[in-house]
């Protein structure tokens, strides 16, 4: 796989929760952190996302917000 995005993080699917239109995909990272993504249900099904599957979280954003308390 070659991709122009610079932020590609490898992980494993921890959980997939399918809704009527979208699916919530929780990805476990090697350090114990998690990333959650909302994708279409069709995309989740086409990718065959199931618990334990190796995946990549590809993050492409033109803005990153920073907040403090």
N, C-alpha and C. Protein backbone atom coordinates (compact mmCIF):
# COMPACT_ATOMS: atom_id res chain seq x y z
N UNK A 1 0.85 -1.18 0.00
CA UNK A 1 0.00 0.00 0.00
C UNK A 1 0.89 1.24 0.00
N UNK A 2 0.64 2.14 -0.91
CA UNK A 2 1.29 3.45 -0.92
C UNK A 2 0.20 4.49 -0.82
N UNK A 3 0.46 5.49 0.01
CA UNK A 3 -0.54 6.54 0.24
C UNK A 3 0.18 7.84 0.56
N UNK A 4 -0.40 8.95 0.18
CA UNK A 4 0.25 10.24 0.38
C UNK A 4 0.11 10.77 1.81
N UNK A 5 -0.86 10.27 2.56
CA UNK A 5 -1.04 10.74 3.93
C UNK A 5 0.17 10.37 4.77
N UNK A 6 0.59 11.29 5.61
CA UNK A 6 1.78 11.05 6.44
C UNK A 6 1.47 10.38 7.77
N UNK A 7 0.24 10.48 8.19
CA UNK A 7 -0.14 9.93 9.49
C UNK A 7 -0.88 8.62 9.31
N UNK A 8 -0.12 7.54 9.27
CA UNK A 8 -0.67 6.20 9.11
C UNK A 8 -0.26 5.40 10.34
N UNK A 9 -1.25 4.92 11.08
CA UNK A 9 -1.00 4.25 12.34
C UNK A 9 -1.58 2.83 12.27
N UNK A 10 -0.74 1.85 12.54
CA UNK A 10 -1.17 0.46 12.49
C UNK A 10 -1.82 0.05 13.81
N UNK A 11 -2.86 -0.76 13.71
CA UNK A 11 -3.53 -1.26 14.90
C UNK A 11 -4.38 -2.47 14.59
N UNK A 12 -5.18 -2.86 15.57
CA UNK A 12 -6.11 -3.99 15.41
C UNK A 12 -7.50 -3.52 15.77
N UNK A 13 -8.48 -4.04 15.03
CA UNK A 13 -9.86 -3.71 15.33
C UNK A 13 -10.22 -4.32 16.69
N UNK A 14 -10.65 -3.47 17.61
CA UNK A 14 -11.08 -3.92 18.92
C UNK A 14 -12.58 -4.22 18.92
N UNK A 15 -13.33 -3.35 18.22
CA UNK A 15 -14.78 -3.49 18.23
C UNK A 15 -15.37 -2.75 17.04
N UNK A 16 -16.43 -3.31 16.47
CA UNK A 16 -17.19 -2.65 15.41
C UNK A 16 -18.65 -2.63 15.84
N UNK A 17 -19.23 -1.44 15.86
CA UNK A 17 -20.65 -1.29 16.21
C UNK A 17 -21.36 -0.74 14.97
N UNK A 18 -22.20 -1.59 14.39
CA UNK A 18 -22.92 -1.19 13.18
C UNK A 18 -24.22 -0.48 13.55
N UNK A 19 -24.44 0.64 12.91
CA UNK A 19 -25.72 1.34 13.02
C UNK A 19 -26.48 1.14 11.73
N UNK A 20 -27.55 1.89 11.56
CA UNK A 20 -28.36 1.77 10.35
C UNK A 20 -27.58 2.24 9.12
N UNK A 21 -26.77 3.29 9.27
CA UNK A 21 -26.05 3.87 8.13
C UNK A 21 -24.54 3.83 8.33
N UNK A 22 -24.09 4.13 9.55
CA UNK A 22 -22.66 4.21 9.86
C UNK A 22 -22.23 3.11 10.80
N UNK A 23 -20.92 2.90 10.85
CA UNK A 23 -20.33 1.96 11.80
C UNK A 23 -19.25 2.67 12.61
N UNK A 24 -19.21 2.39 13.90
CA UNK A 24 -18.16 2.91 14.77
C UNK A 24 -17.09 1.83 14.86
N UNK A 25 -15.86 2.19 14.52
CA UNK A 25 -14.76 1.23 14.54
C UNK A 25 -13.74 1.69 15.58
N UNK A 26 -13.50 0.85 16.56
CA UNK A 26 -12.51 1.15 17.61
C UNK A 26 -11.26 0.34 17.29
N UNK A 27 -10.13 1.06 17.19
CA UNK A 27 -8.86 0.44 16.84
C UNK A 27 -7.92 0.52 18.04
N UNK A 28 -7.37 -0.62 18.43
CA UNK A 28 -6.38 -0.67 19.51
C UNK A 28 -4.99 -0.48 18.92
N UNK A 29 -4.21 0.41 19.53
CA UNK A 29 -2.85 0.67 19.10
C UNK A 29 -1.87 -0.09 19.98
N UNK A 30 -0.64 -0.25 19.52
CA UNK A 30 0.33 -1.07 20.24
C UNK A 30 0.64 -0.56 21.65
N UNK A 31 0.58 0.74 21.88
CA UNK A 31 0.89 1.29 23.20
C UNK A 31 -0.29 1.27 24.16
N UNK A 32 -1.43 0.73 23.73
CA UNK A 32 -2.60 0.65 24.60
C UNK A 32 -3.63 1.73 24.33
N UNK A 33 -3.28 2.73 23.52
CA UNK A 33 -4.24 3.77 23.17
C UNK A 33 -5.24 3.23 22.15
N UNK A 34 -6.31 3.99 21.95
CA UNK A 34 -7.33 3.60 20.98
C UNK A 34 -7.67 4.79 20.09
N UNK A 35 -8.07 4.48 18.87
CA UNK A 35 -8.60 5.47 17.94
C UNK A 35 -9.98 4.99 17.54
N UNK A 36 -10.94 5.91 17.52
CA UNK A 36 -12.29 5.57 17.09
C UNK A 36 -12.59 6.31 15.80
N UNK A 37 -13.16 5.58 14.85
CA UNK A 37 -13.52 6.17 13.56
C UNK A 37 -14.97 5.83 13.24
N UNK A 38 -15.65 6.78 12.63
CA UNK A 38 -17.00 6.55 12.14
C UNK A 38 -16.92 6.49 10.62
N UNK A 39 -17.29 5.36 10.05
CA UNK A 39 -17.29 5.18 8.60
C UNK A 39 -18.65 4.64 8.19
N UNK A 40 -18.91 4.64 6.90
CA UNK A 40 -20.20 4.10 6.47
C UNK A 40 -20.24 2.60 6.74
N UNK A 41 -21.43 2.11 6.98
CA UNK A 41 -21.63 0.67 7.22
C UNK A 41 -21.18 -0.13 6.00
N UNK A 42 -21.49 0.39 4.81
CA UNK A 42 -21.08 -0.29 3.57
C UNK A 42 -19.56 -0.43 3.50
N UNK A 43 -18.84 0.64 3.87
CA UNK A 43 -17.37 0.60 3.85
C UNK A 43 -16.85 -0.44 4.84
N UNK A 44 -17.42 -0.46 6.04
CA UNK A 44 -16.99 -1.43 7.06
C UNK A 44 -17.21 -2.86 6.56
N UNK A 45 -18.34 -3.08 5.91
CA UNK A 45 -18.63 -4.42 5.38
C UNK A 45 -17.70 -4.76 4.22
N UNK A 46 -17.46 -3.81 3.31
CA UNK A 46 -16.57 -4.06 2.18
C UNK A 46 -15.14 -4.34 2.61
N UNK A 47 -14.70 -3.72 3.71
CA UNK A 47 -13.36 -3.96 4.24
C UNK A 47 -13.29 -5.23 5.07
N UNK A 48 -14.44 -5.83 5.37
CA UNK A 48 -14.46 -7.05 6.18
C UNK A 48 -13.97 -6.81 7.59
N UNK A 49 -14.33 -5.65 8.16
CA UNK A 49 -13.83 -5.30 9.49
C UNK A 49 -14.48 -6.17 10.55
N UNK A 50 -13.65 -6.91 11.25
CA UNK A 50 -14.09 -7.75 12.36
C UNK A 50 -13.06 -7.63 13.47
N UNK A 51 -13.45 -8.00 14.67
CA UNK A 51 -12.57 -7.93 15.83
C UNK A 51 -11.28 -8.71 15.55
N UNK A 52 -10.14 -8.06 15.85
CA UNK A 52 -8.83 -8.70 15.70
C UNK A 52 -8.17 -8.47 14.36
N UNK A 53 -8.87 -7.91 13.39
CA UNK A 53 -8.30 -7.68 12.06
C UNK A 53 -7.26 -6.56 12.12
N UNK A 54 -6.11 -6.78 11.47
CA UNK A 54 -5.08 -5.75 11.36
C UNK A 54 -5.55 -4.67 10.40
N UNK A 55 -5.42 -3.42 10.82
CA UNK A 55 -5.86 -2.29 9.99
C UNK A 55 -4.89 -1.13 10.16
N UNK A 56 -5.07 -0.12 9.32
CA UNK A 56 -4.33 1.12 9.43
C UNK A 56 -5.32 2.25 9.63
N UNK A 57 -5.04 3.12 10.58
CA UNK A 57 -5.80 4.36 10.73
C UNK A 57 -5.03 5.40 9.93
N UNK A 58 -5.67 5.95 8.90
CA UNK A 58 -5.04 6.95 8.05
C UNK A 58 -5.67 8.29 8.39
N UNK A 59 -4.86 9.19 8.91
CA UNK A 59 -5.37 10.48 9.37
C UNK A 59 -4.89 11.56 8.40
N UNK A 60 -5.85 12.20 7.76
CA UNK A 60 -5.55 13.28 6.82
C UNK A 60 -6.45 14.45 7.17
N UNK A 61 -5.87 15.50 7.68
CA UNK A 61 -6.66 16.65 8.10
C UNK A 61 -5.93 17.94 7.75
N UNK A 62 -6.67 18.92 7.31
CA UNK A 62 -6.04 20.20 7.03
C UNK A 62 -5.92 21.06 8.29
N UNK A 63 -6.65 20.70 9.33
CA UNK A 63 -6.60 21.42 10.60
C UNK A 63 -6.52 20.45 11.77
N UNK A 64 -5.72 20.81 12.75
CA UNK A 64 -5.67 20.07 14.00
C UNK A 64 -5.90 21.09 15.11
N UNK A 65 -6.95 20.90 15.87
CA UNK A 65 -7.25 21.84 16.96
C UNK A 65 -6.58 21.40 18.24
N UNK A 66 -6.18 22.36 19.04
CA UNK A 66 -5.58 22.11 20.34
C UNK A 66 -6.41 22.84 21.37
N UNK A 67 -6.70 22.18 22.48
CA UNK A 67 -7.50 22.78 23.54
C UNK A 67 -6.82 22.58 24.89
N UNK A 68 -7.16 23.45 25.83
CA UNK A 68 -6.67 23.31 27.21
C UNK A 68 -7.85 23.53 28.14
N UNK A 69 -7.67 23.10 29.39
CA UNK A 69 -8.71 23.34 30.42
C UNK A 69 -8.63 24.76 30.92
